[in-house]
C-alpha atoms as a PDB file:
ATOM      1  CA  UNK A   1    -139.915  87.463-118.250  1.00  0.00           C
ATOM      2  CA  UNK A   2    -137.356  84.675-118.222  1.00  0.00           C
ATOM      3  CA  UNK A   3    -135.495  83.295-115.210  1.00  0.00           C
ATOM      4  CA  UNK A   4    -131.884  82.242-115.549  1.00  0.00           C
ATOM      5  CA  UNK A   5    -129.849  80.144-113.160  1.00  0.00           C
ATOM      6  CA  UNK A   6    -126.072  79.957-113.233  1.00  0.00           C
ATOM      7  CA  UNK A   7    -124.382  77.370-111.042  1.00  0.00           C
ATOM      8  CA  UNK A   8    -120.794  77.999-109.964  1.00  0.00           C
ATOM      9  CA  UNK A   9    -118.449  75.446-108.401  1.00  0.00           C
ATOM     10  CA  UNK A  10    -114.814  76.027-107.475  1.00  0.00           C
ATOM     11  CA  UNK A  11    -112.387  73.793-109.343  1.00  0.00           C
ATOM     12  CA  UNK A  12    -110.146  71.458-107.375  1.00  0.00           C
ATOM     13  CA  UNK A  13    -107.408  73.520-105.759  1.00  0.00           C
ATOM     14  CA  UNK A  14    -109.097  76.849-106.508  1.00  0.00           C
ATOM     15  CA  UNK A  15    -110.243  79.139-103.732  1.00  0.00           C
ATOM     16  CA  UNK A  16    -113.903  79.913-103.178  1.00  0.00           C
ATOM     17  CA  UNK A  17    -113.053  83.539-102.280  1.00  0.00           C
ATOM     18  CA  UNK A  18    -111.412  84.024-105.700  1.00  0.00           C
ATOM     19  CA  UNK A  19    -114.408  82.438-107.427  1.00  0.00           C
ATOM     20  CA  UNK A  20    -116.738  84.687-105.446  1.00  0.00           C
ATOM     21  CA  UNK A  21    -114.739  87.806-106.408  1.00  0.00           C
ATOM     22  CA  UNK A  22    -115.052  86.945-110.096  1.00  0.00           C
ATOM     23  CA  UNK A  23    -118.754  86.111-109.778  1.00  0.00           C
ATOM     24  CA  UNK A  24    -119.405  89.490-108.150  1.00  0.00           C
ATOM     25  CA  UNK A  25    -117.730  91.184-111.127  1.00  0.00           C
ATOM     26  CA  UNK A  26    -120.115  89.277-113.404  1.00  0.00           C
ATOM     27  CA  UNK A  27    -123.082  90.252-111.228  1.00  0.00           C
ATOM     28  CA  UNK A  28    -122.130  93.930-111.445  1.00  0.00           C
ATOM     29  CA  UNK A  29    -121.881  93.656-115.232  1.00  0.00           C
ATOM     30  CA  UNK A  30    -125.298  91.946-115.497  1.00  0.00           C
ATOM     31  CA  UNK A  31    -126.974  94.721-113.563  1.00  0.00           C
ATOM     32  CA  UNK A  32    -126.042  97.272-116.252  1.00  0.00           C
ATOM     33  CA  UNK A  33    -127.380  95.304-119.235  1.00  0.00           C
ATOM     34  CA  UNK A  34    -130.495  96.024-121.313  1.00  0.00           C
ATOM     35  CA  UNK A  35    -133.394  93.806-120.291  1.00  0.00           C
ATOM     36  CA  UNK A  36    -132.015  93.112-116.819  1.00  0.00           C
ATOM     37  CA  UNK A  37    -134.723  93.047-114.135  1.00  0.00           C
ATOM     38  CA  UNK A  38    -133.148  91.629-110.968  1.00  0.00           C
ATOM     39  CA  UNK A  39    -130.783  89.002-109.623  1.00  0.00           C
ATOM     40  CA  UNK A  40    -129.446  87.395-106.492  1.00  0.00           C
ATOM     41  CA  UNK A  41    -126.259  85.449-105.837  1.00  0.00           C
ATOM     42  CA  UNK A  42    -126.639  82.675-103.244  1.00  0.00           C
ATOM     43  CA  UNK A  43    -124.011  80.606-101.441  1.00  0.00           C
ATOM     44  CA  UNK A  44    -124.554  76.918-100.690  1.00  0.00           C
ATOM     45  CA  UNK A  45    -124.451  76.565 -96.905  1.00  0.00           C
ATOM     46  CA  UNK A  46    -124.224  72.772 -97.099  1.00  0.00           C
ATOM     47  CA  UNK A  47    -120.469  72.398 -96.548  1.00  0.00           C
ATOM     48  CA  UNK A  48    -118.564  71.575 -99.709  1.00  0.00           C
ATOM     49  CA  UNK A  49    -121.657  70.451-101.648  1.00  0.00           C
ATOM     50  CA  UNK A  50    -121.763  71.508-105.279  1.00  0.00           C
ATOM     51  CA  UNK A  51    -122.639  73.916-106.694  1.00  0.00           C
ATOM     52  CA  UNK A  52    -120.924  76.293-104.274  1.00  0.00           C
ATOM     53  CA  UNK A  53    -122.935  79.264-105.542  1.00  0.00           C
ATOM     54  CA  UNK A  54    -126.072  79.870-107.596  1.00  0.00           C
ATOM     55  CA  UNK A  55    -126.946  83.089-109.372  1.00  0.00           C
ATOM     56  CA  UNK A  56    -130.618  83.592-110.238  1.00  0.00           C
ATOM     57  CA  UNK A  57    -131.585  86.421-112.585  1.00  0.00           C
ATOM     58  CA  UNK A  58    -134.738  87.673-114.201  1.00  0.00           C
ATOM     59  CA  UNK A  59    -134.716  89.232-117.664  1.00  0.00           C
ATOM     60  CA  UNK A  60    -137.423  90.998-119.655  1.00  0.00           C
ATOM     61  CA  UNK A  61    -137.016  88.488-122.494  1.00  0.00           C
ATOM     62  CA  UNK A  62    -135.010  85.498-123.627  1.00  0.00           C
ATOM     63  CA  UNK A  63    -133.575  87.702-126.381  1.00  0.00           C
ATOM     64  CA  UNK A  64    -132.049  89.998-123.711  1.00  0.00           C
ATOM     65  CA  UNK A  65    -130.376  86.970-122.083  1.00  0.00           C
ATOM     66  CA  UNK A  66    -129.148  85.707-125.456  1.00  0.00           C
ATOM     67  CA  UNK A  67    -127.665  89.061-126.442  1.00  0.00           C
ATOM     68  CA  UNK A  68    -125.736  89.153-123.182  1.00  0.00           C
ATOM     69  CA  UNK A  69    -123.897  85.980-124.229  1.00  0.00           C
ATOM     70  CA  UNK A  70    -122.896  87.596-127.538  1.00  0.00           C
ATOM     71  CA  UNK A  71    -121.003  90.412-125.813  1.00  0.00           C
ATOM     72  CA  UNK A  72    -117.230  90.052-125.706  1.00  0.00           C
ATOM     73  CA  UNK A  73    -117.043  91.729-122.282  1.00  0.00           C
ATOM     74  CA  UNK A  74    -119.412  89.112-120.866  1.00  0.00           C
ATOM     75  CA  UNK A  75    -117.457  86.292-122.523  1.00  0.00           C
ATOM     76  CA  UNK A  76    -114.289  87.609-120.821  1.00  0.00           C
ATOM     77  CA  UNK A  77    -116.056  87.398-117.453  1.00  0.00           C
ATOM     78  CA  UNK A  78    -117.172  83.827-118.179  1.00  0.00           C
ATOM     79  CA  UNK A  79    -113.615  82.866-119.160  1.00  0.00           C
ATOM     80  CA  UNK A  80    -112.256  84.503-116.008  1.00  0.00           C
ATOM     81  CA  UNK A  81    -114.638  82.505-113.831  1.00  0.00           C
ATOM     82  CA  UNK A  82    -113.845  79.334-115.787  1.00  0.00           C
ATOM     83  CA  UNK A  83    -110.187  79.655-114.777  1.00  0.00           C
ATOM     84  CA  UNK A  84    -111.129  78.929-111.146  1.00  0.00           C
ATOM     85  CA  UNK A  85    -114.592  77.384-111.380  1.00  0.00           C
ATOM     86  CA  UNK A  86    -117.166  75.552-113.427  1.00  0.00           C
ATOM     87  CA  UNK A  87    -120.091  77.564-114.780  1.00  0.00           C
ATOM     88  CA  UNK A  88    -123.380  75.881-115.709  1.00  0.00           C
ATOM     89  CA  UNK A  89    -126.010  78.286-117.104  1.00  0.00           C
ATOM     90  CA  UNK A  90    -129.671  77.537-117.700  1.00  0.00           C
ATOM     91  CA  UNK A  91    -132.951  79.273-118.515  1.00  0.00           C
ATOM     92  CA  UNK A  92    -136.246  78.427-116.874  1.00  0.00           C
ATOM     93  CA  UNK A  93    -139.922  79.238-117.161  1.00  0.00           C
ATOM     94  CA  UNK A  94    -142.786  78.471-114.766  1.00  0.00           C
ATOM     95  CA  UNK A  95    -144.333  75.009-114.771  1.00  0.00           C
ATOM     96  CA  UNK A  96    -147.984  75.231-115.730  1.00  0.00           C
END
């Protein structure tokens, strides 16, 4: 499996509730995709520290994660979030 981490931070002047609403739409979309295993969306409880939110997902393969990014519907969700927040994606594997 592959672990992915997406960091989300509200842009200056944007509301965290609006960012959260758009992130939840992305989360719901992820959960219906081939290769999806599980995910969790976490909120930073350290005041206004960035990132405000972190989404951690597990996928069956890196190819499943890659194909997600090639879908126009997913790109629309990313653009929607980018209107109110910064999105920083990454993929991770265990340290051996």
